[in-house]
Protein backbone atom coordinates (compact mmCIF):
# COMPACT_ATOMS: atom_id res chain seq x y z
CA MET A 1 -0.13 0.07 0.13
CA ALA A 2 1.32 3.29 -1.24
CA ILE A 3 2.39 5.84 1.99
CA LYS A 4 -0.09 8.68 1.40
CA ASP A 5 -0.31 10.36 4.71
CA ILE A 6 2.25 11.21 7.14
CA VAL A 7 2.31 12.42 10.88
CA THR A 8 5.46 14.08 12.13
CA LEU A 9 5.98 15.52 15.98
CA LEU A 10 7.33 18.85 16.08
CA ASP A 11 10.08 19.52 18.16
CA LEU A 12 9.75 22.33 20.44
CA ASN A 13 13.48 23.20 20.63
CA GLY A 14 16.22 23.49 17.65
CA GLU A 15 15.98 23.26 14.04
CA GLN A 16 13.05 20.69 13.17
CA PRO A 17 15.02 18.20 11.45
CA ALA A 18 12.43 15.48 11.74
CA ALA A 19 9.69 17.47 10.41
CA GLN A 20 11.77 18.59 7.52
CA VAL A 21 12.39 15.09 6.67
CA ALA A 22 8.58 14.55 6.64
CA ILE A 23 7.90 17.31 4.39
CA GLU A 24 10.79 16.12 1.86
CA PHE A 25 9.34 12.74 2.14
CA ALA A 26 5.83 13.77 1.75
CA ARG A 27 7.32 16.27 -1.24
CA GLN A 28 8.71 13.11 -2.96
CA ILE A 29 6.01 10.63 -2.81
CA GLU A 30 3.08 13.49 -3.08
CA ALA A 31 1.43 12.67 0.39
CA HIS A 32 -0.25 14.80 2.91
CA VAL A 33 2.00 15.82 5.74
CA THR A 34 0.45 16.88 9.50
CA GLY A 35 2.81 18.23 11.95
CA VAL A 36 1.28 17.70 15.54
CA SER A 37 2.97 19.83 18.60
CA LEU A 38 2.59 19.09 21.97
CA VAL A 39 1.02 21.43 24.67
CA LEU A 40 2.81 20.29 27.51
CA GLU A 41 0.47 21.08 30.49
CA PRO A 42 2.73 20.96 33.92
CA ILE A 43 1.79 18.51 36.51
CA VAL A 44 1.04 20.29 40.07
CA PRO A 45 1.36 17.62 43.04
CA GLY A 46 -1.87 17.34 45.06
CA PHE A 47 0.00 18.40 48.56
CA ILE A 48 1.10 21.60 46.80
CA ALA A 49 -1.67 22.29 44.25
CA ALA A 50 -3.79 24.42 46.74
CA PRO A 51 -0.82 27.05 47.89
CA MET A 52 0.32 27.44 44.18
CA PRO A 53 -0.61 30.92 42.93
CA ALA A 54 -2.85 30.86 40.08
CA ASP A 55 -0.56 33.32 37.98
CA TYR A 56 2.25 30.89 38.17
CA LEU A 57 -0.22 28.12 36.40
CA GLN A 58 -1.39 30.38 34.04
CA MET A 59 1.99 31.53 32.93
CA ALA A 60 3.18 27.91 32.50
CA HIS A 61 -0.01 27.13 30.61
CA LYS A 62 0.98 30.41 28.35
CA GLN A 63 4.35 29.13 27.86
CA ALA A 64 3.44 25.64 26.99
CA VAL A 65 1.01 27.33 24.09
CA ASP A 66 3.22 29.47 22.79
CA ALA A 67 6.20 27.00 22.24
CA ALA A 68 3.62 24.78 20.45
CA SER A 69 2.39 27.48 18.32
CA THR A 70 5.98 28.74 17.64
CA ALA A 71 6.82 24.87 16.38
CA SER A 72 3.17 24.66 14.45
CA GLY A 73 4.17 28.39 12.66
CA ALA A 74 7.66 27.08 11.76
CA PHE A 75 6.14 23.82 10.26
CA ASP A 76 3.57 25.76 8.10
CA ARG A 77 6.03 28.06 6.97
CA LEU A 78 8.29 24.79 5.86
CA VAL A 79 5.30 23.21 4.25
CA GLU A 80 4.14 26.27 2.39
CA LEU A 81 7.75 26.63 0.91
CA ALA A 82 8.03 23.10 -0.04
CA GLY A 83 4.56 23.28 -1.98
CA VAL A 84 3.30 20.19 -0.27
CA ASN A 85 -0.06 19.46 0.95
CA GLY A 86 0.09 19.60 4.74
CA GLU A 87 -1.28 21.06 8.15
CA SER A 88 -0.34 21.60 11.39
CA ARG A 89 -2.22 20.83 14.87
CA GLN A 90 -1.81 21.04 18.70
CA GLU A 91 -2.50 18.23 21.13
CA THR A 92 -2.59 18.90 24.74
CA VAL A 93 -0.57 16.38 26.91
CA ILE A 94 -0.22 16.76 30.62
CA THR A 95 3.51 16.37 31.46
CA GLY A 96 3.93 12.43 32.87
CA GLY A 97 0.43 11.78 31.80
CA SER A 98 -1.27 9.99 29.09
CA LEU A 99 -0.09 10.26 25.42
CA GLU A 100 -3.45 9.21 23.86
CA PRO A 101 -3.81 12.35 21.98
CA ILE A 102 -0.79 11.91 19.88
CA LEU A 103 -1.31 8.12 19.61
CA GLN A 104 -4.82 8.63 18.50
CA GLN A 105 -3.16 10.87 15.45
CA ALA A 106 -0.51 8.51 14.88
CA ARG A 107 -3.39 5.49 14.42
CA MET A 108 -4.79 7.38 11.47
CA THR A 109 -1.72 7.76 9.71
CA ASP A 110 0.54 5.38 7.21
CA VAL A 111 3.88 6.45 8.98
CA VAL A 112 4.98 8.58 12.00
CA VAL A 113 8.42 10.31 11.76
CA VAL A 114 9.65 11.78 15.21
CA GLY A 115 13.05 13.00 15.91
CA GLN A 116 15.51 11.68 18.21
CA ASP A 117 16.17 13.59 21.77
CA ASN A 118 19.04 15.93 21.11
CA PRO A 119 21.07 16.26 24.69
CA GLU A 120 22.20 19.62 24.02
CA GLN A 121 18.30 20.71 23.15
CA PRO A 122 16.43 18.26 25.17
CA GLU A 123 12.49 17.75 24.36
CA PRO A 124 9.97 17.04 27.27
CA MET A 125 9.04 13.35 27.23
CA ARG A 126 10.74 12.65 23.98
CA GLU A 127 11.96 8.94 24.78
CA VAL A 128 8.43 8.20 26.48
CA VAL A 129 6.88 9.48 23.19
CA ILE A 130 9.11 7.64 21.11
CA GLU A 131 8.22 4.06 22.95
CA SER A 132 4.71 4.73 23.05
CA LEU A 133 4.62 5.75 19.25
CA LEU A 134 6.99 2.67 18.27
CA PHE A 135 5.05 0.14 20.89
CA GLU A 136 1.25 1.35 21.21
CA SER A 137 0.40 3.33 17.99
CA GLY A 138 0.23 0.35 15.51
CA VAL A 139 2.42 2.09 12.86
CA PRO A 140 5.48 2.29 11.59
CA THR A 141 8.01 4.91 13.17
CA LEU A 142 10.71 6.80 11.31
CA LEU A 143 13.11 8.02 13.58
CA VAL A 144 15.43 11.00 12.56
CA PRO A 145 18.82 11.62 14.01
CA TYR A 146 18.91 15.06 15.66
CA ILE A 147 22.47 15.31 13.50
CA SER A 148 20.12 15.52 10.08
CA GLN A 149 20.26 18.18 7.89
CA GLY A 150 16.56 17.64 7.05
CA LYS A 151 17.21 15.78 3.92
CA PHE A 152 15.16 12.52 2.90
CA SER A 153 16.92 10.00 0.64
CA CYS A 154 16.32 6.36 0.39
CA LYS A 155 18.66 5.15 -2.47
CA ASN A 156 20.63 3.01 -0.20
CA VAL A 157 18.60 0.90 2.29
CA VAL A 158 19.72 -1.56 4.64
CA VAL A 159 16.94 -4.05 6.24
CA ALA A 160 18.53 -5.73 9.33
CA TRP A 161 16.82 -9.41 9.47
CA ASP A 162 16.99 -12.22 12.07
CA GLY A 163 13.64 -13.85 11.06
CA SER A 164 11.44 -12.39 13.79
CA PRO A 165 7.85 -11.22 13.58
CA THR A 166 9.06 -7.53 14.34
CA ALA A 167 11.49 -7.82 11.53
CA ALA A 168 8.87 -9.03 9.34
CA ARG A 169 6.45 -6.30 10.07
CA ALA A 170 9.23 -3.76 9.70
CA VAL A 171 9.87 -4.97 6.27
CA HIS A 172 6.48 -5.03 5.05
CA ALA A 173 6.12 -1.78 6.47
CA ALA A 174 9.00 -0.70 4.67
CA LEU A 175 7.58 -1.84 1.12
CA PRO A 176 6.71 1.45 -0.29
CA ILE A 177 10.08 2.82 0.67
CA LEU A 178 12.14 0.06 -0.41
CA GLU A 179 10.36 0.25 -3.77
CA MET A 180 11.98 3.71 -4.13
CA ALA A 181 15.31 2.55 -3.54
CA GLU A 182 18.45 1.80 -5.85
CA LYS A 183 20.27 -0.53 -3.63
CA VAL A 184 18.44 -2.88 -0.80
CA THR A 185 20.65 -4.95 1.33
CA ILE A 186 19.63 -7.60 3.92
CA VAL A 187 21.94 -7.59 6.95
CA ILE A 188 22.17 -10.37 9.17
CA VAL A 189 24.06 -10.43 12.38
CA ASN A 190 25.25 -13.88 13.49
CA LYS A 191 26.54 -13.93 16.56
CA GLY A 192 27.56 -17.70 16.00
CA LYS A 193 24.45 -19.57 16.26
CA PRO A 194 23.69 -22.33 13.79
CA VAL A 195 21.55 -21.55 10.80
CA ASP A 196 19.59 -23.85 8.20
CA GLY A 197 19.90 -23.03 4.48
CA GLU A 198 21.35 -19.86 3.16
CA PRO A 199 20.68 -17.04 5.33
CA GLY A 200 18.01 -14.20 4.12
CA ALA A 201 17.06 -16.07 0.89
CA ASP A 202 13.73 -16.38 1.86
CA LEU A 203 13.64 -12.65 2.52
CA ALA A 204 15.42 -11.83 -0.42
CA THR A 205 13.15 -13.99 -2.67
CA TYR A 206 10.19 -12.28 -1.63
CA LEU A 207 11.46 -8.74 -2.42
CA ALA A 208 12.52 -9.93 -5.53
CA ARG A 209 9.00 -10.67 -6.33
CA HIS A 210 8.24 -7.33 -5.54
CA ASN A 211 10.85 -6.46 -8.48
CA LEU A 212 13.57 -5.13 -6.09
CA LYS A 213 17.11 -6.03 -6.66
CA VAL A 214 18.56 -7.35 -3.79
CA THR A 215 21.78 -8.71 -1.99
CA VAL A 216 22.41 -10.30 1.14
CA ASP A 217 25.47 -9.49 3.46
CA VAL A 218 26.10 -11.75 6.54
CA ILE A 219 28.21 -10.44 9.66
CA THR A 220 29.62 -13.37 11.39
CA LYS A 221 30.71 -13.44 14.86
CA PRO A 222 31.21 -9.63 15.06
CA PRO A 223 33.52 -8.54 18.05
CA VAL A 224 30.93 -5.92 19.04
CA SER A 225 27.02 -6.12 19.84
CA VAL A 226 24.30 -6.32 17.21
CA ALA A 227 23.51 -2.62 17.37
CA ASP A 228 27.15 -1.84 16.99
CA SER A 229 27.52 -3.82 13.98
CA LEU A 230 24.46 -2.52 12.11
CA LEU A 231 25.97 1.09 12.86
CA ASN A 232 29.30 0.02 11.70
CA TYR A 233 28.01 -1.28 8.53
CA VAL A 234 25.90 1.88 7.89
CA SER A 235 28.45 4.03 8.29
CA GLU A 236 30.87 1.80 6.29
CA ASN A 237 28.58 1.70 3.17
CA ASP A 238 27.23 5.27 3.09
CA VAL A 239 23.56 3.94 3.71
CA ASP A 240 20.87 6.58 3.33
CA MET A 241 18.17 4.43 6.03
CA LEU A 242 18.07 1.36 8.09
CA VAL A 243 14.95 -0.75 8.48
CA MET A 244 14.61 -2.95 11.68
CA GLY A 245 12.15 -4.29 14.02
CA GLY A 246 11.25 -2.74 17.30
CA TYR A 247 11.73 -4.98 20.51
CA GLY A 248 10.50 -4.57 23.94
CA HIS A 249 8.46 -6.20 26.48
CA SER A 250 5.79 -5.15 28.73
CA ARG A 251 6.15 -4.75 32.52
CA MET A 252 3.34 -3.30 34.73
CA ARG A 253 1.82 -1.31 31.53
CA GLU A 254 5.34 -0.01 30.99
CA TYR A 255 7.57 -0.31 27.57
CA ILE A 256 10.95 -1.38 28.25
CA ILE A 257 12.88 -1.22 24.93
CA GLY A 258 15.31 -4.18 24.08
CA GLY A 259 19.10 -3.63 24.23
CA ALA A 260 19.72 -3.65 20.50
CA THR A 261 16.73 -1.29 19.80
CA ARG A 262 17.86 1.19 22.96
CA ASP A 263 21.31 1.10 21.41
CA ILE A 264 20.25 2.12 17.63
CA LEU A 265 17.83 4.82 19.06
CA SER A 266 20.71 6.38 21.09
CA SER A 267 23.49 6.26 18.73
CA MET A 268 22.03 6.28 15.14
CA THR A 269 23.65 8.15 12.33
CA VAL A 270 20.71 7.85 9.62
CA PRO A 271 16.91 7.47 9.80
CA VAL A 272 15.76 4.19 11.07
CA LEU A 273 12.21 2.99 10.08
CA MET A 274 10.89 0.79 12.78
CA ALA A 275 7.82 -1.56 13.39
CA HIS A 276 6.73 -3.54 16.30
């Protein structure tokens, strides 16, 4: 299915690299793009709510609204400049509370684009938002590194493959992007486990039936972690995008990101399309 609708979470700080990627992506595929900025209402603990001055709460609310409005305005200008079909929206979220407003927006789109948190210009609740989008939205999430220059390219794409259900979901979600690629490489990181048959052959055959030119690279017994192996491969081969499954498990209704997923999210240098 073609990608026709994109939602991007707007940064309240910085240069909006994820929004720029989303807009350029939408321009290339003639899709609609919606920029969502969060109005982050502060939490006032019950035991101090009574003496909290009303003007303080009003000021905090105004600052949250102003930050979201500024982000929306910047997005609207980028959309107009790019000549794409787009709009901005604002959703109110209580700091530390439910993220259902942004999740509802995400569930009715084809892909969500969100930026990696920039340690020098941190975004409120960004890591929690990313986890929720990845595990609760039900749609693929394209994560953009904070070092991005805002450009979108998918000429050279790597698919991280281990045969798992989450990796398969990521492949299916990425098909419209893979069809745009000039080069698709299936990369398998084998830490020494025995395998039956030719690694990646089934996936290569499947993608070939979609008229994709595919190669398979197996990294055998690397001296580093799976995540570092993938990151090194991406760096050494001028890869534009990485496709992989997002791993995690639920504990007390909180999502805990798996090791490889967490490491990729913290150290990625190119956009990563994840599905869970």
